[in-house]
Each structure stands twice: as structure tokens, then as C-alpha cells.
């Protein structure tokens, strides 16, 4: 599932939310959120230092994406991920939650 999540995140603003394969939730929403949080952290780190911590094998792609992000939107996105993490184990519609996350992820690449 890690590869599936990174493949989605690596698409950045080109991500097609209608084609998200929800089998990435087999590890649970909490695990998937954790992966997205790590990617967001690497985007932030790369924005400031041109380095990655969690996804070193994707460093070039993350650096490219970091040049395209709206920093304020990224910071808001990370706060929203933190809030969602608190309820990730709740039996709400996890596919709907994940779709919402990817919509917001796509928005971090839009200019302010």
C-alpha cells in the first residue's frame, strides 16, 4: 500500500481524485493518514532545505512539488491532517474522508 499512496501523492496537482483506489485503506485510515502526513512533512522540509526525510527515494519529485506549493495551504492541510488523525479510527465513511483529503491535497498546489 505504501507504493500506492506515494504514487498518488507524487501526482501533486495532477492527481485525479476520481481514480483513487480505496484499497489503500486496507491498512486503515490512520495508517494512510500517517503516510500522507509524512509526505506533507517532506514537502515542507524540501521547501526549506531541498531535502527529504521519509521519502528519500522520491526526493527529486518532492523537490519539484515543493517549488509548486502554496505554503499557507500546505500548513493548513497539515493542521487538518492532525485533526483528522484524532478521529481516524472512528467508523465514519473512510473512503469519503480519504477523498476529501486528496481534494485538499490537490489544493495546496493552487496559487493563493
PDB file of N, CA and C in Angstrom:
ATOM      1  N   UNK A   1       0.809  -1.199   0.000  1.00  0.00           N
ATOM      2  CA  UNK A   1       0.000   0.000   0.000  1.00  0.00           C
ATOM      3  C   UNK A   1       0.851   1.260   0.000  1.00  0.00           C
ATOM      4  N   UNK A   2       2.052   1.188   0.599  1.00  0.00           N
ATOM      5  CA  UNK A   2       2.916   2.374   0.633  1.00  0.00           C
ATOM      6  C   UNK A   2       3.175   2.896  -0.772  1.00  0.00           C
ATOM      7  N   UNK A   3       3.456   1.972  -1.696  1.00  0.00           N
ATOM      8  CA  UNK A   3       3.718   2.374  -3.086  1.00  0.00           C
ATOM      9  C   UNK A   3       2.491   3.032  -3.707  1.00  0.00           C
ATOM     10  N   UNK A   4       1.317   2.503  -3.416  1.00  0.00           N
ATOM     11  CA  UNK A   4       0.086   3.067  -3.973  1.00  0.00           C
ATOM     12  C   UNK A   4      -0.146   4.483  -3.457  1.00  0.00           C
ATOM     13  N   UNK A   5       0.117   4.705  -2.170  1.00  0.00           N
ATOM     14  CA  UNK A   5      -0.069   6.036  -1.581  1.00  0.00           C
ATOM     15  C   UNK A   5       0.950   7.012  -2.166  1.00  0.00           C
ATOM     16  N   UNK A   6       2.213   6.609  -2.230  1.00  0.00           N
ATOM     17  CA  UNK A   6       3.237   7.518  -2.762  1.00  0.00           C
ATOM     18  C   UNK A   6       2.988   7.802  -4.244  1.00  0.00           C
ATOM     19  N   UNK A   7       2.470   6.809  -4.961  1.00  0.00           N
ATOM     20  CA  UNK A   7       2.173   7.026  -6.377  1.00  0.00           C
ATOM     21  C   UNK A   7       1.089   8.099  -6.526  1.00  0.00           C
ATOM     22  N   UNK A   8       0.089   8.057  -5.665  1.00  0.00           N
ATOM     23  CA  UNK A   8      -0.963   9.073  -5.694  1.00  0.00           C
ATOM     24  C   UNK A   8      -0.412  10.446  -5.332  1.00  0.00           C
ATOM     25  N   UNK A   9       0.320  10.505  -4.227  1.00  0.00           N
ATOM     26  CA  UNK A   9       0.837  11.786  -3.752  1.00  0.00           C
ATOM     27  C   UNK A   9       1.836  12.392  -4.725  1.00  0.00           C
ATOM     28  N   UNK A  10       2.570  11.548  -5.414  1.00  0.00           N
ATOM     29  CA  UNK A  10       3.580  12.049  -6.344  1.00  0.00           C
ATOM     30  C   UNK A  10       2.951  12.757  -7.547  1.00  0.00           C
ATOM     31  N   UNK A  11       1.648  12.580  -7.747  1.00  0.00           N
ATOM     32  CA  UNK A  11       0.976  13.247  -8.855  1.00  0.00           C
ATOM     33  C   UNK A  11       0.721  14.723  -8.577  1.00  0.00           C
ATOM     34  N   UNK A  12       0.822  15.122  -7.291  1.00  0.00           N
ATOM     35  CA  UNK A  12       0.648  16.533  -6.948  1.00  0.00           C
ATOM     36  C   UNK A  12      -0.667  17.101  -7.446  1.00  0.00           C
ATOM     37  N   UNK A  13      -0.600  18.251  -8.101  1.00  0.00           N
ATOM     38  CA  UNK A  13      -1.822  18.914  -8.569  1.00  0.00           C
ATOM     39  C   UNK A  13      -2.492  18.180  -9.724  1.00  0.00           C
ATOM     40  N   UNK A  14      -1.820  17.188 -10.288  1.00  0.00           N
ATOM     41  CA  UNK A  14      -2.407  16.401 -11.384  1.00  0.00           C
ATOM     42  C   UNK A  14      -3.196  15.193 -10.888  1.00  0.00           C
ATOM     43  N   UNK A  15      -3.292  15.021  -9.592  1.00  0.00           N
ATOM     44  CA  UNK A  15      -3.986  13.861  -9.039  1.00  0.00           C
ATOM     45  C   UNK A  15      -5.448  13.863  -9.506  1.00  0.00           C
ATOM     46  N   UNK A  16      -5.897  12.716  -9.958  1.00  0.00           N
ATOM     47  CA  UNK A  16      -7.284  12.563 -10.392  1.00  0.00           C
ATOM     48  C   UNK A  16      -8.040  11.871  -9.265  1.00  0.00           C
ATOM     49  N   UNK A  17      -8.789  12.652  -8.536  1.00  0.00           N
ATOM     50  CA  UNK A  17      -9.478  12.157  -7.345  1.00  0.00           C
ATOM     51  C   UNK A  17     -10.487  11.068  -7.691  1.00  0.00           C
ATOM     52  N   UNK A  18     -11.001  11.090  -8.900  1.00  0.00           N
ATOM     53  CA  UNK A  18     -11.990  10.088  -9.300  1.00  0.00           C
ATOM     54  C   UNK A  18     -11.353   8.716  -9.513  1.00  0.00           C
ATOM     55  N   UNK A  19     -10.035   8.665  -9.587  1.00  0.00           N
ATOM     56  CA  UNK A  19      -9.360   7.394  -9.843  1.00  0.00           C
ATOM     57  C   UNK A  19      -8.601   6.860  -8.623  1.00  0.00           C
ATOM     58  N   UNK A  20      -8.902   7.404  -7.443  1.00  0.00           N
ATOM     59  CA  UNK A  20      -8.263   6.917  -6.224  1.00  0.00           C
ATOM     60  C   UNK A  20      -8.759   5.506  -5.951  1.00  0.00           C
ATOM     61  N   UNK A  21      -7.827   4.592  -5.754  1.00  0.00           N
ATOM     62  CA  UNK A  21      -8.155   3.205  -5.444  1.00  0.00           C
ATOM     63  C   UNK A  21      -8.220   3.069  -3.923  1.00  0.00           C
ATOM     64  N   UNK A  22      -9.403   2.852  -3.399  1.00  0.00           N
ATOM     65  CA  UNK A  22      -9.592   2.849  -1.944  1.00  0.00           C
ATOM     66  C   UNK A  22      -9.070   1.594  -1.266  1.00  0.00           C
ATOM     67  N   UNK A  23      -8.458   0.693  -2.011  1.00  0.00           N
ATOM     68  CA  UNK A  23      -7.820  -0.458  -1.367  1.00  0.00           C
ATOM     69  C   UNK A  23      -6.631  -0.010  -0.526  1.00  0.00           C
ATOM     70  N   UNK A  24      -6.177   1.233  -0.724  1.00  0.00           N
ATOM     71  CA  UNK A  24      -5.086   1.730   0.129  1.00  0.00           C
ATOM     72  C   UNK A  24      -5.546   1.854   1.580  1.00  0.00           C
ATOM     73  N   UNK A  25      -6.835   1.745   1.808  1.00  0.00           N
ATOM     74  CA  UNK A  25      -7.356   1.808   3.169  1.00  0.00           C
ATOM     75  C   UNK A  25      -7.310   0.462   3.893  1.00  0.00           C
ATOM     76  N   UNK A  26      -6.772  -0.568   3.248  1.00  0.00           N
ATOM     77  CA  UNK A  26      -6.743  -1.878   3.901  1.00  0.00           C
ATOM     78  C   UNK A  26      -5.923  -1.841   5.185  1.00  0.00           C
ATOM     79  N   UNK A  27      -4.957  -0.941   5.261  1.00  0.00           N
ATOM     80  CA  UNK A  27      -4.175  -0.772   6.496  1.00  0.00           C
ATOM     81  C   UNK A  27      -4.900   0.147   7.482  1.00  0.00           C
ATOM     82  N   UNK A  28      -5.996   0.733   7.046  1.00  0.00           N
ATOM     83  CA  UNK A  28      -6.762   1.631   7.900  1.00  0.00           C
ATOM     84  C   UNK A  28      -6.499   3.089   7.544  1.00  0.00           C
ATOM     85  N   UNK A  29      -7.470   3.934   7.852  1.00  0.00           N
ATOM     86  CA  UNK A  29      -7.342   5.364   7.575  1.00  0.00           C
ATOM     87  C   UNK A  29      -6.199   5.969   8.379  1.00  0.00           C
ATOM     88  N   UNK A  30      -6.005   5.513   9.598  1.00  0.00           N
ATOM     89  CA  UNK A  30      -4.935   6.040  10.449  1.00  0.00           C
ATOM     90  C   UNK A  30      -3.570   5.841   9.782  1.00  0.00           C
ATOM     91  N   UNK A  31      -3.330   4.645   9.256  1.00  0.00           N
ATOM     92  CA  UNK A  31      -2.064   4.347   8.583  1.00  0.00           C
ATOM     93  C   UNK A  31      -1.899   5.208   7.335  1.00  0.00           C
ATOM     94  N   UNK A  32      -2.980   5.330   6.555  1.00  0.00           N
ATOM     95  CA  UNK A  32      -2.937   6.127   5.329  1.00  0.00           C
ATOM     96  C   UNK A  32      -2.685   7.592   5.650  1.00  0.00           C
ATOM     97  N   UNK A  33      -3.355   8.105   6.677  1.00  0.00           N
ATOM     98  CA  UNK A  33      -3.112   9.485   7.109  1.00  0.00           C
ATOM     99  C   UNK A  33      -1.661   9.682   7.523  1.00  0.00           C
ATOM    100  N   UNK A  34      -1.107   8.709   8.205  1.00  0.00           N
ATOM    101  CA  UNK A  34       0.286   8.788   8.632  1.00  0.00           C
ATOM    102  C   UNK A  34       1.217   8.930   7.423  1.00  0.00           C
ATOM    103  N   UNK A  35       0.946   8.162   6.366  1.00  0.00           N
ATOM    104  CA  UNK A  35       1.753   8.251   5.150  1.00  0.00           C
ATOM    105  C   UNK A  35       1.626   9.638   4.513  1.00  0.00           C
ATOM    106  N   UNK A  36       0.407  10.161   4.467  1.00  0.00           N
ATOM    107  CA  UNK A  36       0.178  11.479   3.865  1.00  0.00           C
ATOM    108  C   UNK A  36       0.844  12.564   4.709  1.00  0.00           C
ATOM    109  N   UNK A  37       0.797  12.422   6.030  1.00  0.00           N
ATOM    110  CA  UNK A  37       1.466  13.384   6.907  1.00  0.00           C
ATOM    111  C   UNK A  37       2.976  13.386   6.670  1.00  0.00           C
ATOM    112  N   UNK A  38       3.544  12.216   6.488  1.00  0.00           N
ATOM    113  CA  UNK A  38       4.990  12.129   6.228  1.00  0.00           C
ATOM    114  C   UNK A  38       5.339  12.784   4.896  1.00  0.00           C
ATOM    115  N   UNK A  39       4.498  12.585   3.891  1.00  0.00           N
ATOM    116  CA  UNK A  39       4.736  13.214   2.591  1.00  0.00           C
ATOM    117  C   UNK A  39       4.658  14.747   2.738  1.00  0.00           C
ATOM    118  N   UNK A  40       3.637  15.213   3.461  1.00  0.00           N
ATOM    119  CA  UNK A  40       3.478  16.651   3.679  1.00  0.00           C
ATOM    120  C   UNK A  40       4.681  17.213   4.440  1.00  0.00           C
ATOM    121  N   UNK A  41       5.182  16.464   5.418  1.00  0.00           N
ATOM    122  CA  UNK A  41       6.371  16.895   6.155  1.00  0.00           C
ATOM    123  C   UNK A  41       7.559  17.021   5.206  1.00  0.00           C
ATOM    124  N   UNK A  42       7.730  16.030   4.331  1.00  0.00           N
ATOM    125  CA  UNK A  42       8.831  16.085   3.371  1.00  0.00           C
ATOM    126  C   UNK A  42       8.670  17.248   2.396  1.00  0.00           C
ATOM    127  N   UNK A  43       7.451  17.569   2.008  1.00  0.00           N
ATOM    128  CA  UNK A  43       7.223  18.740   1.161  1.00  0.00           C
ATOM    129  C   UNK A  43       7.671  20.015   1.879  1.00  0.00           C
ATOM    130  N   UNK A  44       7.291  20.129   3.130  1.00  0.00           N
ATOM    131  CA  UNK A  44       7.664  21.298   3.924  1.00  0.00           C
ATOM    132  C   UNK A  44       9.177  21.367   4.119  1.00  0.00           C
ATOM    133  N   UNK A  45       9.777  20.233   4.447  1.00  0.00           N
ATOM    134  CA  UNK A  45      11.225  20.172   4.642  1.00  0.00           C
ATOM    135  C   UNK A  45      11.948  20.528   3.344  1.00  0.00           C
ATOM    136  N   UNK A  46      11.491  19.984   2.238  1.00  0.00           N
ATOM    137  CA  UNK A  46      12.108  20.260   0.949  1.00  0.00           C
ATOM    138  C   UNK A  46      11.924  21.719   0.552  1.00  0.00           C
ATOM    139  N   UNK A  47      10.794  22.297   0.902  1.00  0.00           N
ATOM    140  CA  UNK A  47      10.529  23.707   0.614  1.00  0.00           C
ATOM    141  C   UNK A  47      11.604  24.583   1.251  1.00  0.00           C
ATOM    142  N   UNK A  48      12.044  24.194   2.452  1.00  0.00           N
ATOM    143  CA  UNK A  48      13.018  24.997   3.193  1.00  0.00           C
ATOM    144  C   UNK A  48      14.467  24.548   3.019  1.00  0.00           C
ATOM    145  N   UNK A  49      14.682  23.241   2.808  1.00  0.00           N
ATOM    146  CA  UNK A  49      16.068  22.735   2.809  1.00  0.00           C
ATOM    147  C   UNK A  49      16.451  21.945   1.566  1.00  0.00           C
ATOM    148  N   UNK A  50      15.506  21.693   0.654  1.00  0.00           N
ATOM    149  CA  UNK A  50      15.716  20.867  -0.535  1.00  0.00           C
ATOM    150  C   UNK A  50      16.119  19.436  -0.176  1.00  0.00           C
ATOM    151  N   UNK A  51      15.646  18.952   0.971  1.00  0.00           N
ATOM    152  CA  UNK A  51      15.921  17.579   1.399  1.00  0.00           C
ATOM    153  C   UNK A  51      14.617  16.903   1.802  1.00  0.00           C
ATOM    154  N   UNK A  52      14.673  15.576   1.855  1.00  0.00           N
ATOM    155  CA  UNK A  52      13.543  14.782   2.334  1.00  0.00           C
ATOM    156  C   UNK A  52      14.005  13.926   3.502  1.00  0.00           C
ATOM    157  N   UNK A  53      13.077  13.551   4.348  1.00  0.00           N
ATOM    158  CA  UNK A  53      13.403  12.712   5.494  1.00  0.00           C
ATOM    159  C   UNK A  53      12.789  11.324   5.353  1.00  0.00           C
ATOM    160  N   UNK A  54      11.505  11.262   5.051  1.00  0.00           N
ATOM    161  CA  UNK A  54      10.797   9.983   5.000  1.00  0.00           C
ATOM    162  C   UNK A  54      10.865   9.306   3.633  1.00  0.00           C
ATOM    163  N   UNK A  55      10.816  10.089   2.580  1.00  0.00           N
ATOM    164  CA  UNK A  55      10.748   9.536   1.227  1.00  0.00           C
ATOM    165  C   UNK A  55      11.993   9.946   0.437  1.00  0.00           C
ATOM    166  N   UNK A  56      13.145   9.504   0.900  1.00  0.00           N
ATOM    167  CA  UNK A  56      14.394   9.897   0.252  1.00  0.00           C
ATOM    168  C   UNK A  56      14.481   9.386  -1.183  1.00  0.00           C
ATOM    169  N   UNK A  57      13.828   8.264  -1.465  1.00  0.00           N
ATOM    170  CA  UNK A  57      13.841   7.742  -2.835  1.00  0.00           C
ATOM    171  C   UNK A  57      12.958   8.568  -3.772  1.00  0.00           C
ATOM    172  N   UNK A  58      12.125   9.425  -3.230  1.00  0.00           N
ATOM    173  CA  UNK A  58      11.251  10.304  -4.022  1.00  0.00           C
ATOM    174  C   UNK A  58      11.705  11.762  -3.927  1.00  0.00           C
ATOM    175  N   UNK A  59      12.942  11.978  -3.480  1.00  0.00           N
ATOM    176  CA  UNK A  59      13.415  13.327  -3.175  1.00  0.00           C
ATOM    177  C   UNK A  59      13.299  14.291  -4.363  1.00  0.00           C
ATOM    178  N   UNK A  60      13.667  13.849  -5.546  1.00  0.00           N
ATOM    179  CA  UNK A  60      13.588  14.735  -6.721  1.00  0.00           C
ATOM    180  C   UNK A  60      12.141  15.145  -7.013  1.00  0.00           C
ATOM    181  N   UNK A  61      11.243  14.207  -6.925  1.00  0.00           N
ATOM    182  CA  UNK A  61       9.830  14.505  -7.162  1.00  0.00           C
ATOM    183  C   UNK A  61       9.293  15.451  -6.088  1.00  0.00           C
ATOM    184  N   UNK A  62       9.665  15.205  -4.846  1.00  0.00           N
ATOM    185  CA  UNK A  62       9.215  16.059  -3.742  1.00  0.00           C
ATOM    186  C   UNK A  62       9.789  17.466  -3.903  1.00  0.00           C
ATOM    187  N   UNK A  63      11.055  17.570  -4.299  1.00  0.00           N
ATOM    188  CA  UNK A  63      11.651  18.889  -4.528  1.00  0.00           C
ATOM    189  C   UNK A  63      10.903  19.642  -5.624  1.00  0.00           C
ATOM    190  N   UNK A  64      10.547  18.938  -6.675  1.00  0.00           N
ATOM    191  CA  UNK A  64       9.801  19.555  -7.768  1.00  0.00           C
ATOM    192  C   UNK A  64       8.439  20.040  -7.277  1.00  0.00           C
ATOM    193  N   UNK A  65       7.759  19.210  -6.492  1.00  0.00           N
ATOM    194  CA  UNK A  65       6.457  19.600  -5.957  1.00  0.00           C
ATOM    195  C   UNK A  65       6.588  20.762  -4.977  1.00  0.00           C
ATOM    196  N   UNK A  66       7.638  20.755  -4.174  1.00  0.00           N
ATOM    197  CA  UNK A  66       7.821  21.801  -3.162  1.00  0.00           C
ATOM    198  C   UNK A  66       7.917  23.180  -3.809  1.00  0.00           C
ATOM    199  N   UNK A  67       8.407  23.224  -5.027  1.00  0.00           N
ATOM    200  CA  UNK A  67       8.508  24.505  -5.743  1.00  0.00           C
ATOM    201  C   UNK A  67       7.146  25.000  -6.199  1.00  0.00           C
ATOM    202  N   UNK A  68       6.157  24.116  -6.209  1.00  0.00           N
ATOM    203  CA  UNK A  68       4.826  24.457  -6.718  1.00  0.00           C
ATOM    204  C   UNK A  68       3.800  24.723  -5.618  1.00  0.00           C
ATOM    205  N   UNK A  69       4.151  24.459  -4.371  1.00  0.00           N
ATOM    206  CA  UNK A  69       3.141  24.536  -3.318  1.00  0.00           C
ATOM    207  C   UNK A  69       2.864  25.963  -2.869  1.00  0.00           C
ATOM    208  N   UNK A  70       1.676  26.122  -2.362  1.00  0.00           N
ATOM    209  CA  UNK A  70       1.281  27.329  -1.652  1.00  0.00           C
ATOM    210  C   UNK A  70       1.559  27.000  -0.178  1.00  0.00           C
ATOM    211  N   UNK A  71       2.542  27.664   0.413  1.00  0.00           N
ATOM    212  CA  UNK A  71       2.978  27.325   1.771  1.00  0.00           C
ATOM    213  C   UNK A  71       1.846  27.444   2.785  1.00  0.00           C
ATOM    214  N   UNK A  72       1.058  28.506   2.712  1.00  0.00           N
ATOM    215  CA  UNK A  72      -0.062  28.651   3.655  1.00  0.00           C
ATOM    216  C   UNK A  72      -1.053  27.502   3.524  1.00  0.00           C
ATOM    217  N   UNK A  73      -1.333  27.107   2.295  1.00  0.00           N
ATOM    218  CA  UNK A  73      -2.261  25.997   2.068  1.00  0.00           C
ATOM    219  C   UNK A  73      -1.679  24.691   2.616  1.00  0.00           C
ATOM    220  N   UNK A  74      -0.383  24.496   2.450  1.00  0.00           N
ATOM    221  CA  UNK A  74       0.262  23.286   2.987  1.00  0.00           C
ATOM    222  C   UNK A  74       0.168  23.253   4.508  1.00  0.00           C
ATOM    223  N   UNK A  75       0.410  24.379   5.157  1.00  0.00           N
ATOM    224  CA  UNK A  75       0.339  24.422   6.618  1.00  0.00           C
ATOM    225  C   UNK A  75      -1.087  24.164   7.107  1.00  0.00           C
ATOM    226  N   UNK A  76      -2.068  24.718   6.423  1.00  0.00           N
ATOM    227  CA  UNK A  76      -3.467  24.443   6.778  1.00  0.00           C
ATOM    228  C   UNK A  76      -3.802  22.966   6.571  1.00  0.00           C
ATOM    229  N   UNK A  77      -3.309  22.413   5.470  1.00  0.00           N
ATOM    230  CA  UNK A  77      -3.522  20.999   5.170  1.00  0.00           C
ATOM    231  C   UNK A  77      -2.945  20.112   6.272  1.00  0.00           C
ATOM    232  N   UNK A  78      -1.742  20.426   6.738  1.00  0.00           N
ATOM    233  CA  UNK A  78      -1.133  19.605   7.791  1.00  0.00           C
ATOM    234  C   UNK A  78      -1.929  19.712   9.091  1.00  0.00           C
ATOM    235  N   UNK A  79      -2.458  20.887   9.378  1.00  0.00           N
ATOM    236  CA  UNK A  79      -3.312  21.036  10.572  1.00  0.00           C
ATOM    237  C   UNK A  79      -4.583  20.202  10.432  1.00  0.00           C
ATOM    238  N   UNK A  80      -5.168  20.194   9.236  1.00  0.00           N
ATOM    239  CA  UNK A  80      -6.365  19.392   9.006  1.00  0.00           C
ATOM    240  C   UNK A  80      -6.064  17.906   9.130  1.00  0.00           C
ATOM    241  N   UNK A  81      -4.897  17.489   8.658  1.00  0.00           N
ATOM    242  CA  UNK A  81      -4.498  16.086   8.812  1.00  0.00           C
ATOM    243  C   UNK A  81      -4.380  15.724  10.290  1.00  0.00           C
ATOM    244  N   UNK A  82      -3.806  16.632  11.074  1.00  0.00           N
ATOM    245  CA  UNK A  82      -3.688  16.388  12.515  1.00  0.00           C
ATOM    246  C   UNK A  82      -5.059  16.239  13.157  1.00  0.00           C
ATOM    247  N   UNK A  83      -6.008  17.080  12.760  1.00  0.00           N
ATOM    248  CA  UNK A  83      -7.365  16.983  13.299  1.00  0.00           C
ATOM    249  C   UNK A  83      -8.034  15.671  12.883  1.00  0.00           C
ATOM    250  N   UNK A  84      -7.856  15.289  11.619  1.00  0.00           N
ATOM    251  CA  UNK A  84      -8.439  14.037  11.137  1.00  0.00           C
ATOM    252  C   UNK A  84      -7.836  12.824  11.831  1.00  0.00           C
ATOM    253  N   UNK A  85      -6.574  12.924  12.171  1.00  0.00           N
ATOM    254  CA  UNK A  85      -5.886  11.808  12.834  1.00  0.00           C
ATOM    255  C   UNK A  85      -6.596  11.445  14.148  1.00  0.00           C
ATOM    256  N   UNK A  86      -7.159  12.449  14.803  1.00  0.00           N
ATOM    257  CA  UNK A  86      -7.851  12.221  16.076  1.00  0.00           C
ATOM    258  C   UNK A  86      -9.094  11.351  15.920  1.00  0.00           C
ATOM    259  N   UNK A  87      -9.699  11.388  14.726  1.00  0.00           N
ATOM    260  CA  UNK A  87     -10.930  10.614  14.510  1.00  0.00           C
ATOM    261  C   UNK A  87     -10.740   9.510  13.476  1.00  0.00           C
ATOM    262  N   UNK A  88      -9.507   9.224  13.111  1.00  0.00           N
ATOM    263  CA  UNK A  88      -9.234   8.268  12.033  1.00  0.00           C
ATOM    264  C   UNK A  88      -9.745   6.861  12.335  1.00  0.00           C
ATOM    265  N   UNK A  89      -9.815   6.506  13.590  1.00  0.00           N
ATOM    266  CA  UNK A  89     -10.277   5.158  13.923  1.00  0.00           C
ATOM    267  C   UNK A  89     -11.804   5.087  14.053  1.00  0.00           C
ATOM    268  N   UNK A  90     -12.480   6.217  13.936  1.00  0.00           N
ATOM    269  CA  UNK A  90     -13.934   6.260  14.001  1.00  0.00           C
ATOM    270  C   UNK A  90     -14.510   5.610  12.740  1.00  0.00           C
ATOM    271  N   UNK A  91     -15.596   4.854  12.880  1.00  0.00           N
ATOM    272  CA  UNK A  91     -16.120   4.129  11.718  1.00  0.00           C
ATOM    273  C   UNK A  91     -16.942   4.983  10.745  1.00  0.00           C
ATOM    274  N   UNK A  92     -16.522   6.232  10.541  1.00  0.00           N
ATOM    275  CA  UNK A  92     -17.196   7.052   9.529  1.00  0.00           C
ATOM    276  C   UNK A  92     -16.799   6.526   8.157  1.00  0.00           C
ATOM    277  N   UNK A  93     -17.406   7.041   7.125  1.00  0.00           N
ATOM    278  CA  UNK A  93     -17.078   6.602   5.780  1.00  0.00           C
ATOM    279  C   UNK A  93     -15.636   6.989   5.451  1.00  0.00           C
ATOM    280  N   UNK A  94     -14.726   6.030   5.572  1.00  0.00           N
ATOM    281  CA  UNK A  94     -13.316   6.313   5.397  1.00  0.00           C
ATOM    282  C   UNK A  94     -12.975   6.664   3.949  1.00  0.00           C
ATOM    283  N   UNK A  95     -13.700   6.097   3.000  1.00  0.00           N
ATOM    284  CA  UNK A  95     -13.453   6.440   1.597  1.00  0.00           C
ATOM    285  C   UNK A  95     -13.782   7.908   1.344  1.00  0.00           C
ATOM    286  N   UNK A  96     -14.867   8.372   1.937  1.00  0.00           N
ATOM    287  CA  UNK A  96     -15.255   9.772   1.793  1.00  0.00           C
ATOM    288  C   UNK A  96     -14.218  10.680   2.454  1.00  0.00           C
ATOM    289  N   UNK A  97     -13.744  10.281   3.629  1.00  0.00           N
ATOM    290  CA  UNK A  97     -12.698  11.055   4.308  1.00  0.00           C
ATOM    291  C   UNK A  97     -11.435  11.132   3.460  1.00  0.00           C
ATOM    292  N   UNK A  98     -11.053  10.004   2.875  1.00  0.00           N
ATOM    293  CA  UNK A  98      -9.844   9.963   2.060  1.00  0.00           C
ATOM    294  C   UNK A  98     -10.010  10.815   0.800  1.00  0.00           C
ATOM    295  N   UNK A  99     -11.175  10.749   0.196  1.00  0.00           N
ATOM    296  CA  UNK A  99     -11.424  11.579  -0.990  1.00  0.00           C
ATOM    297  C   UNK A  99     -11.289  13.058  -0.626  1.00  0.00           C
ATOM    298  N   UNK A 100     -11.822  13.447   0.507  1.00  0.00           N
ATOM    299  CA  UNK A 100     -11.723  14.822   0.980  1.00  0.00           C
ATOM    300  C   UNK A 100     -10.257  15.218   1.204  1.00  0.00           C
ATOM    301  N   UNK A 101      -9.471  14.305   1.739  1.00  0.00           N
ATOM    302  CA  UNK A 101      -8.046  14.572   1.970  1.00  0.00           C
ATOM    303  C   UNK A 101      -7.341  14.848   0.643  1.00  0.00           C
ATOM    304  N   UNK A 102      -7.605  14.030  -0.369  1.00  0.00           N
ATOM    305  CA  UNK A 102      -6.944  14.221  -1.658  1.00  0.00           C
ATOM    306  C   UNK A 102      -7.421  15.488  -2.364  1.00  0.00           C
ATOM    307  N   UNK A 103      -8.670  15.881  -2.152  1.00  0.00           N
ATOM    308  CA  UNK A 103      -9.142  17.155  -2.697  1.00  0.00           C
ATOM    309  C   UNK A 103      -8.346  18.295  -2.069  1.00  0.00           C
ATOM    310  N   UNK A 104      -8.185  18.242  -0.765  1.00  0.00           N
ATOM    311  CA  UNK A 104      -7.431  19.298  -0.071  1.00  0.00           C
ATOM    312  C   UNK A 104      -5.947  19.244  -0.422  1.00  0.00           C
ATOM    313  N   UNK A 105      -5.434  18.040  -0.633  1.00  0.00           N
ATOM    314  CA  UNK A 105      -4.040  17.903  -1.050  1.00  0.00           C
ATOM    315  C   UNK A 105      -3.816  18.587  -2.386  1.00  0.00           C
ATOM    316  N   UNK A 106      -4.722  18.369  -3.302  1.00  0.00           N
ATOM    317  CA  UNK A 106      -4.608  18.977  -4.630  1.00  0.00           C
ATOM    318  C   UNK A 106      -4.602  20.504  -4.516  1.00  0.00           C
ATOM    319  N   UNK A 107      -5.341  21.027  -3.560  1.00  0.00           N
ATOM    320  CA  UNK A 107      -5.460  22.470  -3.392  1.00  0.00           C
ATOM    321  C   UNK A 107      -4.182  23.133  -2.884  1.00  0.00           C
ATOM    322  N   UNK A 108      -3.266  22.374  -2.295  1.00  0.00           N
ATOM    323  CA  UNK A 108      -2.036  23.004  -1.795  1.00  0.00           C
ATOM    324  C   UNK A 108      -1.148  23.463  -2.936  1.00  0.00           C
ATOM    325  N   UNK A 109      -1.434  23.008  -4.140  1.00  0.00           N
ATOM    326  CA  UNK A 109      -0.642  23.412  -5.298  1.00  0.00           C
ATOM    327  C   UNK A 109      -1.252  24.601  -6.041  1.00  0.00           C
ATOM    328  N   UNK A 110      -2.382  25.093  -5.549  1.00  0.00           N
ATOM    329  CA  UNK A 110      -3.019  26.215  -6.204  1.00  0.00           C
ATOM    330  C   UNK A 110      -2.450  27.520  -5.639  1.00  0.00           C
ATOM    331  N   UNK A 111      -2.228  28.504  -6.507  1.00  0.00           N
ATOM    332  CA  UNK A 111      -1.700  29.792  -6.016  1.00  0.00           C
ATOM    333  C   UNK A 111      -2.681  30.457  -5.072  1.00  0.00           C
ATOM    334  N   UNK A 112      -2.150  31.253  -4.183  1.00  0.00           N
ATOM    335  CA  UNK A 112      -3.024  31.923  -3.188  1.00  0.00           C
ATOM    336  C   UNK A 112      -3.782  33.072  -3.805  1.00  0.00           C
TER     337      UNK A 112
END
